[in-house]
C-alpha cells in the first residue's frame, strides 16, 4: 500500500500524506476530494499529479477495507492516519535528521488553521 511513496521526494511525500490524512479525517472519498480540492487556487494547492496520488491512496484504502472512506469507523481512520504520518516522518528524519517536536507541532497547528473544514467546502460547492 502507498507504493508511490518510495519514488517521491520528502517534500512531495509530506504533502501527499498530509492531504490524504486530512481527507481521511473528514471522511472524504476520492470523488469528494476531486470535487472539493483543499486550497484550490492558492499557492498551497496540490499539483494535479499529487491530487491523483491522494485519490489513488484513498481508493486503495477503500479497496483494502472493502467499503467507502465515509463508511469507515474511527479506529480504522486513525490507523491509516498514523501510518501516513509515520511514513512521512520516517522519510523526513532519514533525509534531514531528527525533527524538533515543538516546531513540528507549531507547523501542524498552522496547517490545521489554514485548511478549510469540509462543511465549508461543501457549502461553497
PDB file of N, CA and C in Angstrom:
ATOM      1  N   UNK A   1       0.842  -1.183   0.000  1.00  0.00           N
ATOM      2  CA  UNK A   1       0.000   0.000   0.000  1.00  0.00           C
ATOM      3  C   UNK A   1       0.881   1.239   0.000  1.00  0.00           C
ATOM      4  N   UNK A   2       0.423   2.290  -0.634  1.00  0.00           N
ATOM      5  CA  UNK A   2       1.147   3.558  -0.745  1.00  0.00           C
ATOM      6  C   UNK A   2       2.487   3.374  -1.448  1.00  0.00           C
ATOM      7  N   UNK A   3       2.516   2.527  -2.471  1.00  0.00           N
ATOM      8  CA  UNK A   3       3.748   2.213  -3.194  1.00  0.00           C
ATOM      9  C   UNK A   3       4.412   3.438  -3.809  1.00  0.00           C
ATOM     10  N   UNK A   4       3.631   4.418  -4.240  1.00  0.00           N
ATOM     11  CA  UNK A   4       4.197   5.602  -4.888  1.00  0.00           C
ATOM     12  C   UNK A   4       5.120   6.380  -3.958  1.00  0.00           C
ATOM     13  N   UNK A   5       4.989   6.179  -2.650  1.00  0.00           N
ATOM     14  CA  UNK A   5       5.801   6.930  -1.688  1.00  0.00           C
ATOM     15  C   UNK A   5       7.294   6.724  -1.898  1.00  0.00           C
ATOM     16  N   UNK A   6       7.686   5.547  -2.332  1.00  0.00           N
ATOM     17  CA  UNK A   6       9.105   5.240  -2.496  1.00  0.00           C
ATOM     18  C   UNK A   6       9.783   6.131  -3.529  1.00  0.00           C
ATOM     19  N   UNK A   7       9.049   6.578  -4.525  1.00  0.00           N
ATOM     20  CA  UNK A   7       9.646   7.387  -5.591  1.00  0.00           C
ATOM     21  C   UNK A   7       9.433   8.890  -5.407  1.00  0.00           C
ATOM     22  N   UNK A   8       8.819   9.299  -4.312  1.00  0.00           N
ATOM     23  CA  UNK A   8       8.561  10.728  -4.069  1.00  0.00           C
ATOM     24  C   UNK A   8       9.697  11.387  -3.308  1.00  0.00           C
ATOM     25  N   UNK A   9       9.832  12.675  -3.516  1.00  0.00           N
ATOM     26  CA  UNK A   9      10.743  13.454  -2.678  1.00  0.00           C
ATOM     27  C   UNK A   9      10.110  13.559  -1.287  1.00  0.00           C
ATOM     28  N   UNK A  10      10.909  13.932  -0.321  1.00  0.00           N
ATOM     29  CA  UNK A  10      10.400  14.099   1.038  1.00  0.00           C
ATOM     30  C   UNK A  10       9.303  15.151   1.078  1.00  0.00           C
ATOM     31  N   UNK A  11       9.505  16.263   0.372  1.00  0.00           N
ATOM     32  CA  UNK A  11       8.513  17.336   0.344  1.00  0.00           C
ATOM     33  C   UNK A  11       7.200  16.848  -0.243  1.00  0.00           C
ATOM     34  N   UNK A  12       7.288  16.133  -1.363  1.00  0.00           N
ATOM     35  CA  UNK A  12       6.077  15.652  -2.013  1.00  0.00           C
ATOM     36  C   UNK A  12       5.375  14.612  -1.144  1.00  0.00           C
ATOM     37  N   UNK A  13       6.132  13.714  -0.541  1.00  0.00           N
ATOM     38  CA  UNK A  13       5.537  12.707   0.329  1.00  0.00           C
ATOM     39  C   UNK A  13       4.833  13.361   1.510  1.00  0.00           C
ATOM     40  N   UNK A  14       5.467  14.348   2.110  1.00  0.00           N
ATOM     41  CA  UNK A  14       4.851  15.046   3.238  1.00  0.00           C
ATOM     42  C   UNK A  14       3.542  15.694   2.822  1.00  0.00           C
ATOM     43  N   UNK A  15       3.544  16.333   1.675  1.00  0.00           N
ATOM     44  CA  UNK A  15       2.343  16.999   1.175  1.00  0.00           C
ATOM     45  C   UNK A  15       1.225  15.998   0.872  1.00  0.00           C
ATOM     46  N   UNK A  16       1.547  14.956   0.136  1.00  0.00           N
ATOM     47  CA  UNK A  16       0.534  13.959  -0.247  1.00  0.00           C
ATOM     48  C   UNK A  16       0.015  13.224   0.991  1.00  0.00           C
ATOM     49  N   UNK A  17       0.911  12.855   1.901  1.00  0.00           N
ATOM     50  CA  UNK A  17       0.483  12.170   3.117  1.00  0.00           C
ATOM     51  C   UNK A  17      -0.418  13.077   3.954  1.00  0.00           C
ATOM     52  N   UNK A  18      -0.063  14.355   4.045  1.00  0.00           N
ATOM     53  CA  UNK A  18      -0.864  15.301   4.822  1.00  0.00           C
ATOM     54  C   UNK A  18      -2.272  15.435   4.236  1.00  0.00           C
ATOM     55  N   UNK A  19      -2.370  15.635   2.933  1.00  0.00           N
ATOM     56  CA  UNK A  19      -3.680  15.800   2.317  1.00  0.00           C
ATOM     57  C   UNK A  19      -4.500  14.517   2.374  1.00  0.00           C
ATOM     58  N   UNK A  20      -3.852  13.372   2.254  1.00  0.00           N
ATOM     59  CA  UNK A  20      -4.563  12.107   2.388  1.00  0.00           C
ATOM     60  C   UNK A  20      -5.092  11.978   3.808  1.00  0.00           C
ATOM     61  N   UNK A  21      -4.273  12.363   4.748  1.00  0.00           N
ATOM     62  CA  UNK A  21      -4.696  12.310   6.153  1.00  0.00           C
ATOM     63  C   UNK A  21      -5.884  13.235   6.401  1.00  0.00           C
ATOM     64  N   UNK A  22      -5.842  14.440   5.903  1.00  0.00           N
ATOM     65  CA  UNK A  22      -6.958  15.380   6.067  1.00  0.00           C
ATOM     66  C   UNK A  22      -8.225  14.803   5.435  1.00  0.00           C
ATOM     67  N   UNK A  23      -8.091  14.241   4.240  1.00  0.00           N
ATOM     68  CA  UNK A  23      -9.251  13.629   3.568  1.00  0.00           C
ATOM     69  C   UNK A  23      -9.836  12.520   4.430  1.00  0.00           C
ATOM     70  N   UNK A  24      -8.981  11.680   4.996  1.00  0.00           N
ATOM     71  CA  UNK A  24      -9.454  10.592   5.858  1.00  0.00           C
ATOM     72  C   UNK A  24     -10.128  11.122   7.112  1.00  0.00           C
ATOM     73  N   UNK A  25      -9.518  12.108   7.744  1.00  0.00           N
ATOM     74  CA  UNK A  25     -10.076  12.657   8.980  1.00  0.00           C
ATOM     75  C   UNK A  25     -11.459  13.257   8.774  1.00  0.00           C
ATOM     76  N   UNK A  26     -11.740  13.669   7.551  1.00  0.00           N
ATOM     77  CA  UNK A  26     -13.041  14.262   7.246  1.00  0.00           C
ATOM     78  C   UNK A  26     -13.906  13.338   6.394  1.00  0.00           C
ATOM     79  N   UNK A  27     -13.505  12.066   6.329  1.00  0.00           N
ATOM     80  CA  UNK A  27     -14.241  11.026   5.619  1.00  0.00           C
ATOM     81  C   UNK A  27     -14.511  11.395   4.160  1.00  0.00           C
ATOM     82  N   UNK A  28     -13.533  12.007   3.503  1.00  0.00           N
ATOM     83  CA  UNK A  28     -13.643  12.322   2.077  1.00  0.00           C
ATOM     84  C   UNK A  28     -13.327  11.072   1.262  1.00  0.00           C
ATOM     85  N   UNK A  29     -14.202  10.723   0.344  1.00  0.00           N
ATOM     86  CA  UNK A  29     -13.876   9.697  -0.644  1.00  0.00           C
ATOM     87  C   UNK A  29     -13.016  10.359  -1.713  1.00  0.00           C
ATOM     88  N   UNK A  30     -12.455   9.579  -2.615  1.00  0.00           N
ATOM     89  CA  UNK A  30     -11.642  10.175  -3.682  1.00  0.00           C
ATOM     90  C   UNK A  30     -12.496  11.090  -4.559  1.00  0.00           C
ATOM     91  N   UNK A  31     -13.756  10.740  -4.770  1.00  0.00           N
ATOM     92  CA  UNK A  31     -14.644  11.590  -5.584  1.00  0.00           C
ATOM     93  C   UNK A  31     -14.880  12.937  -4.907  1.00  0.00           C
ATOM     94  N   UNK A  32     -15.084  12.923  -3.589  1.00  0.00           N
ATOM     95  CA  UNK A  32     -15.272  14.177  -2.863  1.00  0.00           C
ATOM     96  C   UNK A  32     -13.991  15.002  -2.863  1.00  0.00           C
ATOM     97  N   UNK A  33     -12.852  14.338  -2.757  1.00  0.00           N
ATOM     98  CA  UNK A  33     -11.580  15.061  -2.773  1.00  0.00           C
ATOM     99  C   UNK A  33     -11.381  15.768  -4.115  1.00  0.00           C
ATOM    100  N   UNK A  34     -11.771  15.103  -5.191  1.00  0.00           N
ATOM    101  CA  UNK A  34     -11.685  15.744  -6.511  1.00  0.00           C
ATOM    102  C   UNK A  34     -12.663  16.913  -6.620  1.00  0.00           C
ATOM    103  N   UNK A  35     -13.846  16.732  -6.065  1.00  0.00           N
ATOM    104  CA  UNK A  35     -14.887  17.760  -6.167  1.00  0.00           C
ATOM    105  C   UNK A  35     -14.581  18.981  -5.299  1.00  0.00           C
ATOM    106  N   UNK A  36     -13.989  18.752  -4.136  1.00  0.00           N
ATOM    107  CA  UNK A  36     -13.695  19.827  -3.185  1.00  0.00           C
ATOM    108  C   UNK A  36     -12.205  19.861  -2.866  1.00  0.00           C
ATOM    109  N   UNK A  37     -11.352  20.215  -3.830  1.00  0.00           N
ATOM    110  CA  UNK A  37      -9.904  20.204  -3.561  1.00  0.00           C
ATOM    111  C   UNK A  37      -9.538  21.231  -2.485  1.00  0.00           C
ATOM    112  N   UNK A  38      -8.715  20.800  -1.552  1.00  0.00           N
ATOM    113  CA  UNK A  38      -8.263  21.687  -0.488  1.00  0.00           C
ATOM    114  C   UNK A  38      -7.278  22.704  -1.047  1.00  0.00           C
ATOM    115  N   UNK A  39      -7.390  23.921  -0.617  1.00  0.00           N
ATOM    116  CA  UNK A  39      -6.514  25.026  -1.029  1.00  0.00           C
ATOM    117  C   UNK A  39      -6.599  25.341  -2.522  1.00  0.00           C
ATOM    118  N   UNK A  40      -7.692  25.020  -3.172  1.00  0.00           N
ATOM    119  CA  UNK A  40      -7.827  25.305  -4.609  1.00  0.00           C
ATOM    120  C   UNK A  40      -7.585  26.782  -4.866  1.00  0.00           C
ATOM    121  N   UNK A  41      -6.759  27.067  -5.857  1.00  0.00           N
ATOM    122  CA  UNK A  41      -6.486  28.444  -6.247  1.00  0.00           C
ATOM    123  C   UNK A  41      -5.491  29.172  -5.368  1.00  0.00           C
ATOM    124  N   UNK A  42      -4.804  28.467  -4.476  1.00  0.00           N
ATOM    125  CA  UNK A  42      -3.805  29.108  -3.622  1.00  0.00           C
ATOM    126  C   UNK A  42      -2.430  28.523  -3.923  1.00  0.00           C
ATOM    127  N   UNK A  43      -1.423  29.125  -3.334  1.00  0.00           N
ATOM    128  CA  UNK A  43      -0.066  28.627  -3.550  1.00  0.00           C
ATOM    129  C   UNK A  43       0.146  27.267  -2.888  1.00  0.00           C
ATOM    130  N   UNK A  44      -0.716  26.899  -1.962  1.00  0.00           N
ATOM    131  CA  UNK A  44      -0.595  25.608  -1.282  1.00  0.00           C
ATOM    132  C   UNK A  44      -1.371  24.498  -1.992  1.00  0.00           C
ATOM    133  N   UNK A  45      -1.979  24.819  -3.115  1.00  0.00           N
ATOM    134  CA  UNK A  45      -2.769  23.823  -3.848  1.00  0.00           C
ATOM    135  C   UNK A  45      -1.873  22.686  -4.329  1.00  0.00           C
ATOM    136  N   UNK A  46      -2.401  21.469  -4.257  1.00  0.00           N
ATOM    137  CA  UNK A  46      -1.664  20.316  -4.757  1.00  0.00           C
ATOM    138  C   UNK A  46      -1.549  20.371  -6.268  1.00  0.00           C
ATOM    139  N   UNK A  47      -0.467  19.842  -6.794  1.00  0.00           N
ATOM    140  CA  UNK A  47      -0.353  19.691  -8.239  1.00  0.00           C
ATOM    141  C   UNK A  47      -1.360  18.624  -8.667  1.00  0.00           C
ATOM    142  N   UNK A  48      -1.670  18.576  -9.947  1.00  0.00           N
ATOM    143  CA  UNK A  48      -2.621  17.559 -10.424  1.00  0.00           C
ATOM    144  C   UNK A  48      -2.069  16.158 -10.178  1.00  0.00           C
ATOM    145  N   UNK A  49      -0.757  15.988 -10.311  1.00  0.00           N
ATOM    146  CA  UNK A  49      -0.138  14.687 -10.036  1.00  0.00           C
ATOM    147  C   UNK A  49      -0.315  14.296  -8.573  1.00  0.00           C
ATOM    148  N   UNK A  50      -0.062  15.240  -7.666  1.00  0.00           N
ATOM    149  CA  UNK A  50      -0.213  14.963  -6.243  1.00  0.00           C
ATOM    150  C   UNK A  50      -1.670  14.678  -5.884  1.00  0.00           C
ATOM    151  N   UNK A  51      -2.588  15.425  -6.479  1.00  0.00           N
ATOM    152  CA  UNK A  51      -4.010  15.186  -6.231  1.00  0.00           C
ATOM    153  C   UNK A  51      -4.400  13.771  -6.664  1.00  0.00           C
ATOM    154  N   UNK A  52      -3.882  13.340  -7.795  1.00  0.00           N
ATOM    155  CA  UNK A  52      -4.194  11.993  -8.272  1.00  0.00           C
ATOM    156  C   UNK A  52      -3.616  10.921  -7.353  1.00  0.00           C
ATOM    157  N   UNK A  53      -2.449  11.182  -6.786  1.00  0.00           N
ATOM    158  CA  UNK A  53      -1.866  10.223  -5.847  1.00  0.00           C
ATOM    159  C   UNK A  53      -2.747  10.124  -4.600  1.00  0.00           C
ATOM    160  N   UNK A  54      -3.191  11.263  -4.082  1.00  0.00           N
ATOM    161  CA  UNK A  54      -4.093  11.249  -2.922  1.00  0.00           C
ATOM    162  C   UNK A  54      -5.338  10.429  -3.251  1.00  0.00           C
ATOM    163  N   UNK A  55      -5.934  10.683  -4.397  1.00  0.00           N
ATOM    164  CA  UNK A  55      -7.145   9.944  -4.798  1.00  0.00           C
ATOM    165  C   UNK A  55      -6.859   8.455  -4.948  1.00  0.00           C
ATOM    166  N   UNK A  56      -5.708   8.118  -5.486  1.00  0.00           N
ATOM    167  CA  UNK A  56      -5.338   6.714  -5.640  1.00  0.00           C
ATOM    168  C   UNK A  56      -5.156   6.063  -4.270  1.00  0.00           C
ATOM    169  N   UNK A  57      -4.526   6.779  -3.329  1.00  0.00           N
ATOM    170  CA  UNK A  57      -4.341   6.230  -1.990  1.00  0.00           C
ATOM    171  C   UNK A  57      -5.685   6.042  -1.290  1.00  0.00           C
ATOM    172  N   UNK A  58      -6.597   7.000  -1.452  1.00  0.00           N
ATOM    173  CA  UNK A  58      -7.931   6.854  -0.857  1.00  0.00           C
ATOM    174  C   UNK A  58      -8.642   5.638  -1.456  1.00  0.00           C
ATOM    175  N   UNK A  59      -8.524   5.464  -2.766  1.00  0.00           N
ATOM    176  CA  UNK A  59      -9.144   4.309  -3.434  1.00  0.00           C
ATOM    177  C   UNK A  59      -8.511   3.001  -2.956  1.00  0.00           C
ATOM    178  N   UNK A  60      -7.192   2.996  -2.730  1.00  0.00           N
ATOM    179  CA  UNK A  60      -6.520   1.799  -2.211  1.00  0.00           C
ATOM    180  C   UNK A  60      -7.050   1.433  -0.824  1.00  0.00           C
ATOM    181  N   UNK A  61      -7.265   2.436  -0.004  1.00  0.00           N
ATOM    182  CA  UNK A  61      -7.800   2.186   1.339  1.00  0.00           C
ATOM    183  C   UNK A  61      -9.211   1.613   1.230  1.00  0.00           C
ATOM    184  N   UNK A  62     -10.020   2.203   0.368  1.00  0.00           N
ATOM    185  CA  UNK A  62     -11.387   1.692   0.181  1.00  0.00           C
ATOM    186  C   UNK A  62     -11.360   0.242  -0.298  1.00  0.00           C
ATOM    187  N   UNK A  63     -10.474  -0.058  -1.215  1.00  0.00           N
ATOM    188  CA  UNK A  63     -10.371  -1.415  -1.738  1.00  0.00           C
ATOM    189  C   UNK A  63      -9.906  -2.375  -0.645  1.00  0.00           C
ATOM    190  N   UNK A  64      -8.914  -1.962   0.099  1.00  0.00           N
ATOM    191  CA  UNK A  64      -8.381  -2.813   1.168  1.00  0.00           C
ATOM    192  C   UNK A  64      -9.435  -3.067   2.245  1.00  0.00           C
ATOM    193  N   UNK A  65     -10.227  -2.041   2.572  1.00  0.00           N
ATOM    194  CA  UNK A  65     -11.241  -2.159   3.622  1.00  0.00           C
ATOM    195  C   UNK A  65     -12.585  -2.652   3.085  1.00  0.00           C
ATOM    196  N   UNK A  66     -12.701  -2.713   1.769  1.00  0.00           N
ATOM    197  CA  UNK A  66     -13.914  -3.196   1.105  1.00  0.00           C
ATOM    198  C   UNK A  66     -15.150  -2.355   1.437  1.00  0.00           C
ATOM    199  N   UNK A  67     -14.934  -1.044   1.568  1.00  0.00           N
ATOM    200  CA  UNK A  67     -16.046  -0.103   1.774  1.00  0.00           C
ATOM    201  C   UNK A  67     -15.532   1.317   1.573  1.00  0.00           C
ATOM    202  N   UNK A  68     -16.438   2.259   1.287  1.00  0.00           N
ATOM    203  CA  UNK A  68     -16.028   3.645   1.052  1.00  0.00           C
ATOM    204  C   UNK A  68     -15.442   4.294   2.312  1.00  0.00           C
ATOM    205  N   UNK A  69     -14.613   5.291   2.100  1.00  0.00           N
ATOM    206  CA  UNK A  69     -13.987   6.028   3.202  1.00  0.00           C
ATOM    207  C   UNK A  69     -15.038   6.524   4.181  1.00  0.00           C
ATOM    208  N   UNK A  70     -16.142   7.064   3.666  1.00  0.00           N
ATOM    209  CA  UNK A  70     -17.144   7.648   4.554  1.00  0.00           C
ATOM    210  C   UNK A  70     -17.929   6.610   5.352  1.00  0.00           C
ATOM    211  N   UNK A  71     -17.604   5.331   5.187  1.00  0.00           N
ATOM    212  CA  UNK A  71     -18.225   4.267   5.980  1.00  0.00           C
ATOM    213  C   UNK A  71     -17.228   3.579   6.912  1.00  0.00           C
ATOM    214  N   UNK A  72     -16.020   4.090   6.968  1.00  0.00           N
ATOM    215  CA  UNK A  72     -15.006   3.504   7.856  1.00  0.00           C
ATOM    216  C   UNK A  72     -15.238   3.967   9.295  1.00  0.00           C
ATOM    217  N   UNK A  73     -14.878   3.119  10.241  1.00  0.00           N
ATOM    218  CA  UNK A  73     -15.007   3.514  11.645  1.00  0.00           C
ATOM    219  C   UNK A  73     -13.787   4.352  12.051  1.00  0.00           C
ATOM    220  N   UNK A  74     -13.912   5.014  13.171  1.00  0.00           N
ATOM    221  CA  UNK A  74     -12.880   5.946  13.643  1.00  0.00           C
ATOM    222  C   UNK A  74     -11.534   5.238  13.873  1.00  0.00           C
ATOM    223  N   UNK A  75     -11.560   4.032  14.390  1.00  0.00           N
ATOM    224  CA  UNK A  75     -10.319   3.303  14.651  1.00  0.00           C
ATOM    225  C   UNK A  75      -9.564   3.018  13.353  1.00  0.00           C
ATOM    226  N   UNK A  76     -10.288   2.673  12.308  1.00  0.00           N
ATOM    227  CA  UNK A  76      -9.656   2.404  11.011  1.00  0.00           C
ATOM    228  C   UNK A  76      -9.047   3.686  10.453  1.00  0.00           C
ATOM    229  N   UNK A  77      -9.782   4.783  10.560  1.00  0.00           N
ATOM    230  CA  UNK A  77      -9.264   6.087  10.106  1.00  0.00           C
ATOM    231  C   UNK A  77      -7.985   6.420  10.868  1.00  0.00           C
ATOM    232  N   UNK A  78      -8.007   6.245  12.178  1.00  0.00           N
ATOM    233  CA  UNK A  78      -6.823   6.546  12.993  1.00  0.00           C
ATOM    234  C   UNK A  78      -5.640   5.666  12.618  1.00  0.00           C
ATOM    235  N   UNK A  79      -5.886   4.411  12.304  1.00  0.00           N
ATOM    236  CA  UNK A  79      -4.803   3.512  11.899  1.00  0.00           C
ATOM    237  C   UNK A  79      -4.126   4.025  10.626  1.00  0.00           C
ATOM    238  N   UNK A  80      -4.930   4.423   9.639  1.00  0.00           N
ATOM    239  CA  UNK A  80      -4.347   4.908   8.387  1.00  0.00           C
ATOM    240  C   UNK A  80      -3.689   6.274   8.545  1.00  0.00           C
ATOM    241  N   UNK A  81      -4.279   7.162   9.323  1.00  0.00           N
ATOM    242  CA  UNK A  81      -3.651   8.475   9.502  1.00  0.00           C
ATOM    243  C   UNK A  81      -2.323   8.320  10.230  1.00  0.00           C
ATOM    244  N   UNK A  82      -2.265   7.397  11.171  1.00  0.00           N
ATOM    245  CA  UNK A  82      -0.998   7.110  11.853  1.00  0.00           C
ATOM    246  C   UNK A  82       0.043   6.556  10.901  1.00  0.00           C
ATOM    247  N   UNK A  83      -0.381   5.660  10.023  1.00  0.00           N
ATOM    248  CA  UNK A  83       0.534   5.080   9.036  1.00  0.00           C
ATOM    249  C   UNK A  83       1.080   6.162   8.098  1.00  0.00           C
ATOM    250  N   UNK A  84       0.208   7.047   7.649  1.00  0.00           N
ATOM    251  CA  UNK A  84       0.635   8.129   6.748  1.00  0.00           C
ATOM    252  C   UNK A  84       1.598   9.086   7.449  1.00  0.00           C
ATOM    253  N   UNK A  85       1.261   9.476   8.666  1.00  0.00           N
ATOM    254  CA  UNK A  85       2.128  10.389   9.414  1.00  0.00           C
ATOM    255  C   UNK A  85       3.485   9.752   9.686  1.00  0.00           C
ATOM    256  N   UNK A  86       3.467   8.486  10.080  1.00  0.00           N
ATOM    257  CA  UNK A  86       4.717   7.781  10.358  1.00  0.00           C
ATOM    258  C   UNK A  86       5.600   7.664   9.131  1.00  0.00           C
ATOM    259  N   UNK A  87       4.977   7.393   8.001  1.00  0.00           N
ATOM    260  CA  UNK A  87       5.721   7.250   6.752  1.00  0.00           C
ATOM    261  C   UNK A  87       6.423   8.571   6.392  1.00  0.00           C
ATOM    262  N   UNK A  88       5.702   9.678   6.489  1.00  0.00           N
ATOM    263  CA  UNK A  88       6.285  10.980   6.169  1.00  0.00           C
ATOM    264  C   UNK A  88       7.368  11.355   7.184  1.00  0.00           C
ATOM    265  N   UNK A  89       7.119  11.075   8.444  1.00  0.00           N
ATOM    266  CA  UNK A  89       8.095  11.399   9.484  1.00  0.00           C
ATOM    267  C   UNK A  89       9.384  10.598   9.322  1.00  0.00           C
ATOM    268  N   UNK A  90       9.259   9.309   9.038  1.00  0.00           N
ATOM    269  CA  UNK A  90      10.464   8.480   8.838  1.00  0.00           C
ATOM    270  C   UNK A  90      11.290   8.985   7.655  1.00  0.00           C
ATOM    271  N   UNK A  91      10.626   9.354   6.579  1.00  0.00           N
ATOM    272  CA  UNK A  91      11.350   9.867   5.410  1.00  0.00           C
ATOM    273  C   UNK A  91      12.050  11.169   5.757  1.00  0.00           C
ATOM    274  N   UNK A  92      11.341  12.074   6.418  1.00  0.00           N
ATOM    275  CA  UNK A  92      11.940  13.364   6.777  1.00  0.00           C
ATOM    276  C   UNK A  92      13.139  13.171   7.693  1.00  0.00           C
ATOM    277  N   UNK A  93      13.020  12.293   8.669  1.00  0.00           N
ATOM    278  CA  UNK A  93      14.143  12.041   9.587  1.00  0.00           C
ATOM    279  C   UNK A  93      15.324  11.418   8.852  1.00  0.00           C
ATOM    280  N   UNK A  94      15.049  10.524   7.911  1.00  0.00           N
ATOM    281  CA  UNK A  94      16.122   9.874   7.158  1.00  0.00           C
ATOM    282  C   UNK A  94      16.872  10.888   6.296  1.00  0.00           C
ATOM    283  N   UNK A  95      16.158  11.855   5.753  1.00  0.00           N
ATOM    284  CA  UNK A  95      16.788  12.830   4.863  1.00  0.00           C
ATOM    285  C   UNK A  95      17.358  14.039   5.591  1.00  0.00           C
ATOM    286  N   UNK A  96      16.742  14.446   6.690  1.00  0.00           N
ATOM    287  CA  UNK A  96      17.144  15.689   7.344  1.00  0.00           C
ATOM    288  C   UNK A  96      17.604  15.523   8.774  1.00  0.00           C
ATOM    289  N   UNK A  97      17.518  14.342   9.319  1.00  0.00           N
ATOM    290  CA  UNK A  97      17.842  14.147  10.727  1.00  0.00           C
ATOM    291  C   UNK A  97      16.595  14.323  11.579  1.00  0.00           C
ATOM    292  N   UNK A  98      16.751  14.206  12.895  1.00  0.00           N
ATOM    293  CA  UNK A  98      15.599  14.303  13.794  1.00  0.00           C
ATOM    294  C   UNK A  98      14.860  15.639  13.662  1.00  0.00           C
ATOM    295  N   UNK A  99      13.560  15.578  13.847  1.00  0.00           N
ATOM    296  CA  UNK A  99      12.716  16.767  13.756  1.00  0.00           C
ATOM    297  C   UNK A  99      12.465  17.313  15.158  1.00  0.00           C
ATOM    298  N   UNK A 100      12.523  18.633  15.294  1.00  0.00           N
ATOM    299  CA  UNK A 100      12.222  19.290  16.558  1.00  0.00           C
ATOM    300  C   UNK A 100      10.725  19.138  16.817  1.00  0.00           C
ATOM    301  N   UNK A 101      10.313  18.400  17.856  1.00  0.00           N
ATOM    302  CA  UNK A 101       8.883  18.144  18.072  1.00  0.00           C
ATOM    303  C   UNK A 101       8.065  19.405  18.320  1.00  0.00           C
ATOM    304  N   UNK A 102       8.640  20.404  18.977  1.00  0.00           N
ATOM    305  CA  UNK A 102       7.899  21.650  19.219  1.00  0.00           C
ATOM    306  C   UNK A 102       7.649  22.391  17.907  1.00  0.00           C
ATOM    307  N   UNK A 103       8.648  22.449  17.045  1.00  0.00           N
ATOM    308  CA  UNK A 103       8.478  23.102  15.742  1.00  0.00           C
ATOM    309  C   UNK A 103       7.461  22.336  14.900  1.00  0.00           C
ATOM    310  N   UNK A 104       7.535  21.006  14.930  1.00  0.00           N
ATOM    311  CA  UNK A 104       6.594  20.190  14.171  1.00  0.00           C
ATOM    312  C   UNK A 104       5.166  20.444  14.641  1.00  0.00           C
ATOM    313  N   UNK A 105       4.964  20.548  15.948  1.00  0.00           N
ATOM    314  CA  UNK A 105       3.626  20.798  16.488  1.00  0.00           C
ATOM    315  C   UNK A 105       3.123  22.177  16.064  1.00  0.00           C
ATOM    316  N   UNK A 106       3.988  23.191  16.099  1.00  0.00           N
ATOM    317  CA  UNK A 106       3.594  24.538  15.659  1.00  0.00           C
ATOM    318  C   UNK A 106       3.186  24.533  14.193  1.00  0.00           C
ATOM    319  N   UNK A 107       3.990  23.870  13.347  1.00  0.00           N
ATOM    320  CA  UNK A 107       3.669  23.813  11.922  1.00  0.00           C
ATOM    321  C   UNK A 107       2.362  23.064  11.667  1.00  0.00           C
ATOM    322  N   UNK A 108       2.144  21.994  12.403  1.00  0.00           N
ATOM    323  CA  UNK A 108       0.907  21.234  12.248  1.00  0.00           C
ATOM    324  C   UNK A 108      -0.296  22.088  12.634  1.00  0.00           C
ATOM    325  N   UNK A 109      -0.196  22.830  13.706  1.00  0.00           N
ATOM    326  CA  UNK A 109      -1.297  23.706  14.118  1.00  0.00           C
ATOM    327  C   UNK A 109      -1.559  24.789  13.071  1.00  0.00           C
ATOM    328  N   UNK A 110      -0.500  25.348  12.496  1.00  0.00           N
ATOM    329  CA  UNK A 110      -0.673  26.345  11.434  1.00  0.00           C
ATOM    330  C   UNK A 110      -1.390  25.741  10.240  1.00  0.00           C
ATOM    331  N   UNK A 111      -1.015  24.528   9.845  1.00  0.00           N
ATOM    332  CA  UNK A 111      -1.671  23.862   8.723  1.00  0.00           C
ATOM    333  C   UNK A 111      -3.136  23.580   9.024  1.00  0.00           C
ATOM    334  N   UNK A 112      -3.425  23.147  10.227  1.00  0.00           N
ATOM    335  CA  UNK A 112      -4.816  22.858  10.593  1.00  0.00           C
ATOM    336  C   UNK A 112      -5.675  24.115  10.526  1.00  0.00           C
ATOM    337  N   UNK A 113      -5.122  25.246  10.962  1.00  0.00           N
ATOM    338  CA  UNK A 113      -5.882  26.501  10.894  1.00  0.00           C
ATOM    339  C   UNK A 113      -6.099  26.930   9.447  1.00  0.00           C
ATOM    340  N   UNK A 114      -5.176  26.599   8.572  1.00  0.00           N
ATOM    341  CA  UNK A 114      -5.254  27.045   7.181  1.00  0.00           C
ATOM    342  C   UNK A 114      -6.166  26.181   6.321  1.00  0.00           C
ATOM    343  N   UNK A 115      -6.446  24.948   6.733  1.00  0.00           N
ATOM    344  CA  UNK A 115      -7.266  24.039   5.922  1.00  0.00           C
ATOM    345  C   UNK A 115      -8.738  24.284   6.225  1.00  0.00           C
ATOM    346  N   UNK A 116      -9.527  24.621   5.206  1.00  0.00           N
ATOM    347  CA  UNK A 116     -10.961  24.826   5.450  1.00  0.00           C
ATOM    348  C   UNK A 116     -11.627  23.499   5.808  1.00  0.00           C
ATOM    349  N   UNK A 117     -12.621  23.581   6.656  1.00  0.00           N
ATOM    350  CA  UNK A 117     -13.352  22.377   7.036  1.00  0.00           C
ATOM    351  C   UNK A 117     -14.180  21.886   5.860  1.00  0.00           C
ATOM    352  N   UNK A 118     -14.371  20.587   5.745  1.00  0.00           N
ATOM    353  CA  UNK A 118     -15.168  20.044   4.636  1.00  0.00           C
ATOM    354  C   UNK A 118     -16.567  20.636   4.556  1.00  0.00           C
ATOM    355  N   UNK A 119     -17.166  20.938   5.695  1.00  0.00           N
ATOM    356  CA  UNK A 119     -18.511  21.526   5.664  1.00  0.00           C
ATOM    357  C   UNK A 119     -18.487  22.885   4.974  1.00  0.00           C
ATOM    358  N   UNK A 120     -17.423  23.654   5.153  1.00  0.00           N
ATOM    359  CA  UNK A 120     -17.292  24.941   4.480  1.00  0.00           C
ATOM    360  C   UNK A 120     -17.074  24.750   2.986  1.00  0.00           C
ATOM    361  N   UNK A 121     -16.302  23.722   2.627  1.00  0.00           N
ATOM    362  CA  UNK A 121     -16.052  23.444   1.208  1.00  0.00           C
ATOM    363  C   UNK A 121     -17.328  23.006   0.510  1.00  0.00           C
ATOM    364  N   UNK A 122     -18.117  22.182   1.177  1.00  0.00           N
ATOM    365  CA  UNK A 122     -19.352  21.688   0.572  1.00  0.00           C
ATOM    366  C   UNK A 122     -20.347  22.823   0.353  1.00  0.00           C
ATOM    367  N   UNK A 123     -20.412  23.780   1.293  1.00  0.00           N
ATOM    368  CA  UNK A 123     -21.304  24.925   1.124  1.00  0.00           C
ATOM    369  C   UNK A 123     -20.893  25.771  -0.066  1.00  0.00           C
ATOM    370  N   UNK A 124     -19.565  25.898  -0.268  1.00  0.00           N
ATOM    371  CA  UNK A 124     -19.055  26.715  -1.387  1.00  0.00           C
ATOM    372  C   UNK A 124     -19.301  26.042  -2.711  1.00  0.00           C
ATOM    373  N   UNK A 125     -19.362  24.694  -2.735  1.00  0.00           N
ATOM    374  CA  UNK A 125     -19.523  23.935  -3.977  1.00  0.00           C
ATOM    375  C   UNK A 125     -20.930  23.851  -4.344  1.00  0.00           C
TER     376      UNK A 125
END
